[in-house]
C-alpha cells in the first residue's frame, strides 16, 4: 500500500510559531521535518519523541550558506509538499538613523537574505504541486505603515516580501504556490505580552490558509484568516 502522507519541512521550528506549526501539521496527519539551531534540547525534541517517528529533526544555522547546502544534500531523496521558512529577529524600536550598521546587517541577513537563500536552494525538493511559504508580517506592508515605529523590523519584512516577489517573477512558469504569511500580532518573545493573539489562536489559521491555497500558483500575501494583506 502506497504511503500518501504529505511531508512538510519547517525551517525554524524549535519554539513558539515554528514549533506550533510543526505540531499542527502532525495533528493533520503529515510527516514533518523541523530544523533547530545548534544541539541544545528544545520543545521540538519533545514533540518528536511523542510523534511516533513522524517528526524528524535537522540542525540548520540558516545564516550560514554552507549549512543550507548541506541540508539540501541530506534531503536530496525526499519530496516536500510544503517548505515553510519561519525566521525573524528584532532589536527593538529604534529610529532608523540610530540603528548601528552591524545591527542593520544582522536583522536583514536573518529576516530577509537567509530565508530567500533557503527558498532558492531547497525549491527543487518541493513537488510541482507543493507550496513554498515564508513567515512575513503586516509590518512589511508599505501601504499599512501609517504610524511608523519598528523601522528596521518593518524594513526587513518589506525586503523579504520584495525578494519573494522577485523570486516569483523569475519563476513565473512555476506551478508551485508561493505564500507570504502574516500570522497576526501574536504573544511571543518577538510580539510581546500585549499582542492580540495567542499562538493557539494564530497557527491553526496559518495552516488552514496554507492548505486552502494549495494548487493556486503565483505569489500570495495573506494573513492567518486567509485575507489578502496590502503590499
Protein backbone atom coordinates (compact mmCIF):
# COMPACT_ATOMS: atom_id res chain seq x y z
CA UNK A 1 0.00 0.00 0.00
CA UNK A 2 1.38 3.40 -1.00
CA UNK A 3 2.05 5.90 1.77
CA UNK A 4 0.12 9.02 0.82
CA UNK A 5 1.13 11.14 3.80
CA UNK A 6 2.39 14.57 2.88
CA UNK A 7 5.71 15.96 4.10
CA UNK A 8 6.40 19.45 5.44
CA UNK A 9 9.81 20.97 6.09
CA UNK A 10 9.52 23.76 8.65
CA UNK A 11 12.69 25.81 8.98
CA UNK A 12 12.93 27.42 12.41
CA UNK A 13 10.72 25.05 14.38
CA UNK A 14 12.33 24.95 17.83
CA UNK A 15 9.85 27.24 19.60
CA UNK A 16 6.72 29.43 19.51
CA UNK A 17 5.27 29.85 16.00
CA UNK A 18 7.50 27.34 14.23
CA UNK A 19 7.03 24.72 16.94
CA UNK A 20 3.28 25.22 16.94
CA UNK A 21 3.18 24.91 13.15
CA UNK A 22 5.08 21.62 13.33
CA UNK A 23 2.60 20.35 15.92
CA UNK A 24 -0.34 21.49 13.79
CA UNK A 25 0.88 19.59 10.74
CA UNK A 26 1.44 16.48 12.82
CA UNK A 27 -2.14 16.83 14.04
CA UNK A 28 -3.23 16.99 10.42
CA UNK A 29 -1.52 13.67 9.69
CA UNK A 30 1.58 14.94 7.90
CA UNK A 31 5.19 13.85 8.26
CA UNK A 32 7.26 16.80 9.45
CA UNK A 33 10.91 17.72 9.24
CA UNK A 34 11.78 20.56 11.59
CA UNK A 35 15.04 22.45 11.89
CA UNK A 36 16.74 23.75 15.01
CA UNK A 37 19.88 25.75 15.60
CA UNK A 38 22.71 24.06 17.45
CA UNK A 39 22.47 20.93 19.54
CA UNK A 40 20.52 22.00 22.63
CA UNK A 41 17.31 20.22 23.61
CA UNK A 42 14.20 22.12 22.50
CA UNK A 43 10.45 21.76 22.53
CA UNK A 44 10.75 20.25 19.05
CA UNK A 45 12.72 17.35 20.52
CA UNK A 46 9.91 16.70 22.99
CA UNK A 47 7.40 16.82 20.15
CA UNK A 48 9.49 14.38 18.11
CA UNK A 49 9.63 11.89 20.97
CA UNK A 50 5.83 11.82 21.06
CA UNK A 51 5.33 11.72 17.28
CA UNK A 52 5.79 8.03 16.62
CA UNK A 53 8.56 8.72 14.13
CA UNK A 54 6.57 11.21 12.05
CA UNK A 55 8.74 14.17 13.10
CA UNK A 56 12.45 14.24 12.33
CA UNK A 57 14.84 16.98 13.37
CA UNK A 58 17.59 18.56 11.30
CA UNK A 59 20.20 21.03 12.51
CA UNK A 60 20.44 24.23 10.48
CA UNK A 61 22.14 27.56 11.04
CA UNK A 62 20.23 29.44 8.36
CA UNK A 63 22.64 32.36 8.18
CA UNK A 64 25.44 30.03 7.02
CA UNK A 65 25.06 29.19 3.30
CA UNK A 66 27.07 26.00 3.60
CA UNK A 67 24.62 24.72 6.23
CA UNK A 68 21.75 25.26 3.79
CA UNK A 69 23.61 23.37 1.08
CA UNK A 70 24.34 20.51 3.48
CA UNK A 71 20.67 20.28 4.45
CA UNK A 72 19.68 20.19 0.78
CA UNK A 73 22.12 17.33 0.22
CA UNK A 74 20.82 15.39 3.23
CA UNK A 75 17.23 15.74 1.99
CA UNK A 76 18.01 15.13 -1.68
CA UNK A 77 15.95 11.94 -1.79
CA UNK A 78 12.89 13.49 -0.14
CA UNK A 79 9.96 15.17 -1.86
CA UNK A 80 8.42 18.03 0.08
CA UNK A 81 4.78 19.08 -0.18
CA UNK A 82 5.48 22.16 1.91
CA UNK A 83 8.61 24.18 2.56
CA UNK A 84 7.93 26.85 5.16
CA UNK A 85 10.58 29.23 6.49
CA UNK A 86 9.91 30.76 9.89
CA UNK A 87 12.61 33.17 10.97
CA UNK A 88 12.66 36.66 12.43
CA UNK A 89 14.51 38.74 14.96
CA UNK A 90 14.02 42.28 16.17
CA UNK A 91 16.41 44.50 18.05
CA UNK A 92 13.96 46.98 19.48
CA UNK A 93 12.07 50.06 18.36
CA UNK A 94 14.97 52.30 17.29
CA UNK A 95 14.67 55.15 14.75
CA UNK A 96 16.48 54.07 11.61
CA UNK A 97 19.05 56.87 11.86
CA UNK A 98 20.17 55.48 15.22
CA UNK A 99 20.47 51.84 14.14
CA UNK A 100 24.12 50.65 14.21
CA UNK A 101 25.37 49.22 10.94
CA UNK A 102 26.08 45.80 12.43
CA UNK A 103 22.53 45.60 13.82
CA UNK A 104 21.06 46.55 10.44
CA UNK A 105 23.15 43.87 8.77
CA UNK A 106 22.22 41.21 11.33
CA UNK A 107 18.47 41.80 11.04
CA UNK A 108 18.48 41.99 7.25
CA UNK A 109 20.54 38.82 6.90
CA UNK A 110 18.33 36.89 9.34
CA UNK A 111 14.92 38.17 8.25
CA UNK A 112 15.35 38.65 4.50
CA UNK A 113 18.50 37.24 2.92
CA UNK A 114 18.70 33.90 4.76
CA UNK A 115 15.05 32.88 4.21
CA UNK A 116 15.49 33.55 0.49
CA UNK A 117 18.67 31.51 0.38
CA UNK A 118 16.68 28.62 1.85
CA UNK A 119 13.87 29.10 -0.67
CA UNK A 120 16.25 29.28 -3.62
CA UNK A 121 18.35 26.30 -2.51
CA UNK A 122 15.59 23.92 -1.41
CA UNK A 123 13.00 24.80 -4.07
CA UNK A 124 13.94 21.76 -6.24
CA UNK A 125 12.90 19.44 -3.40
CA UNK A 126 9.33 20.79 -3.40
CA UNK A 127 6.79 18.92 -5.52
CA UNK A 128 5.48 20.77 -8.56
CA UNK A 129 2.08 20.84 -6.85
CA UNK A 130 3.58 21.89 -3.50
CA UNK A 131 3.84 25.12 -1.55
CA UNK A 132 6.73 27.37 -0.55
CA UNK A 133 5.94 29.82 2.22
CA UNK A 134 7.76 32.30 4.42
CA UNK A 135 6.60 33.95 7.62
CA UNK A 136 6.15 37.60 6.83
CA UNK A 137 4.17 40.26 8.72
CA UNK A 138 1.71 43.03 8.02
CA UNK A 139 4.50 45.27 9.29
CA UNK A 140 6.18 44.52 5.98
CA UNK A 141 3.30 46.21 4.17
CA UNK A 142 4.20 49.67 2.89
CA UNK A 143 0.52 50.53 2.41
CA UNK A 144 -0.31 49.73 6.05
CA UNK A 145 2.57 51.69 7.56
CA UNK A 146 0.69 54.76 8.72
CA UNK A 147 2.11 55.02 12.25
CA UNK A 148 5.81 54.23 11.82
CA UNK A 149 7.88 52.56 14.52
CA UNK A 150 9.90 49.34 14.39
CA UNK A 151 11.74 50.81 11.42
CA UNK A 152 14.33 48.07 10.97
CA UNK A 153 11.97 45.15 11.52
CA UNK A 154 9.45 46.65 9.08
CA UNK A 155 12.18 47.22 6.51
CA UNK A 156 13.43 43.64 6.82
CA UNK A 157 9.96 42.21 6.23
CA UNK A 158 9.37 44.58 3.31
CA UNK A 159 12.68 43.37 1.88
CA UNK A 160 11.59 39.75 2.32
CA UNK A 161 8.32 40.48 0.52
CA UNK A 162 10.12 42.19 -2.35
CA UNK A 163 12.63 39.35 -2.68
CA UNK A 164 9.81 36.80 -2.77
CA UNK A 165 8.13 38.86 -5.49
CA UNK A 166 11.38 38.84 -7.47
CA UNK A 167 11.61 35.08 -6.99
CA UNK A 168 8.04 34.66 -8.24
CA UNK A 169 8.73 36.83 -11.28
CA UNK A 170 11.90 34.91 -12.09
CA UNK A 171 9.99 31.63 -11.93
CA UNK A 172 6.73 32.85 -13.45
CA UNK A 173 6.15 29.48 -15.14
CA UNK A 174 6.39 27.59 -11.83
CA UNK A 175 3.24 25.76 -10.74
CA UNK A 176 4.14 25.83 -7.05
CA UNK A 177 2.18 28.03 -4.65
CA UNK A 178 4.19 30.86 -3.09
CA UNK A 179 2.98 32.41 0.16
CA UNK A 180 3.91 35.33 2.36
CA UNK A 181 2.13 34.61 5.65
CA UNK A 182 1.16 37.19 8.26
CA UNK A 183 0.40 35.30 11.49
CA UNK A 184 -1.14 38.36 13.14
CA UNK A 185 0.17 40.10 16.23
CA UNK A 186 0.98 37.10 18.42
CA UNK A 187 2.09 36.90 22.05
CA UNK A 188 5.63 35.61 21.57
CA UNK A 189 9.04 36.86 22.62
CA UNK A 190 9.05 38.93 19.44
CA UNK A 191 5.41 40.06 19.58
CA UNK A 192 5.43 40.87 23.28
CA UNK A 193 2.89 40.24 26.07
CA UNK A 194 0.36 42.84 24.84
CA UNK A 195 -0.22 41.24 21.43
CA UNK A 196 -3.76 40.43 20.31
CA UNK A 197 -3.41 36.70 19.67
CA UNK A 198 -2.14 33.59 21.39
CA UNK A 199 -0.07 31.12 19.40
CA UNK A 200 -3.01 28.71 19.65
CA UNK A 201 -5.29 31.27 18.01
CA UNK A 202 -2.89 32.13 15.19
CA UNK A 203 -1.25 28.94 13.99
CA UNK A 204 -4.28 26.78 13.10
CA UNK A 205 -5.39 29.65 10.89
CA UNK A 206 -1.94 29.88 9.30
CA UNK A 207 -2.02 26.16 8.47
CA UNK A 208 -5.59 26.34 7.18
CA UNK A 209 -4.70 29.29 4.94
CA UNK A 210 -1.66 27.45 3.58
CA UNK A 211 -3.76 24.40 2.79
CA UNK A 212 -6.67 26.32 1.28
CA UNK A 213 -4.29 27.90 -1.23
CA UNK A 214 -2.66 24.65 -2.29
CA UNK A 215 -2.60 24.46 -6.07
CA UNK A 216 -3.00 28.22 -6.55
CA UNK A 217 0.19 29.14 -8.35
CA UNK A 218 1.84 32.51 -8.05
CA UNK A 219 2.62 34.66 -5.02
CA UNK A 220 0.01 35.48 -2.36
CA UNK A 221 0.39 37.77 0.70
CA UNK A 222 -2.15 36.54 3.24
CA UNK A 223 -2.97 36.75 6.93
CA UNK A 224 -3.84 33.91 9.29
CA UNK A 225 -7.53 34.30 8.43
CA UNK A 226 -6.89 33.90 4.72
CA UNK A 227 -7.37 37.58 3.91
CA UNK A 228 -5.12 39.37 1.43
CA UNK A 229 -2.64 41.78 3.00
CA UNK A 230 -1.96 45.02 1.08
CA UNK A 231 1.55 45.38 -0.28
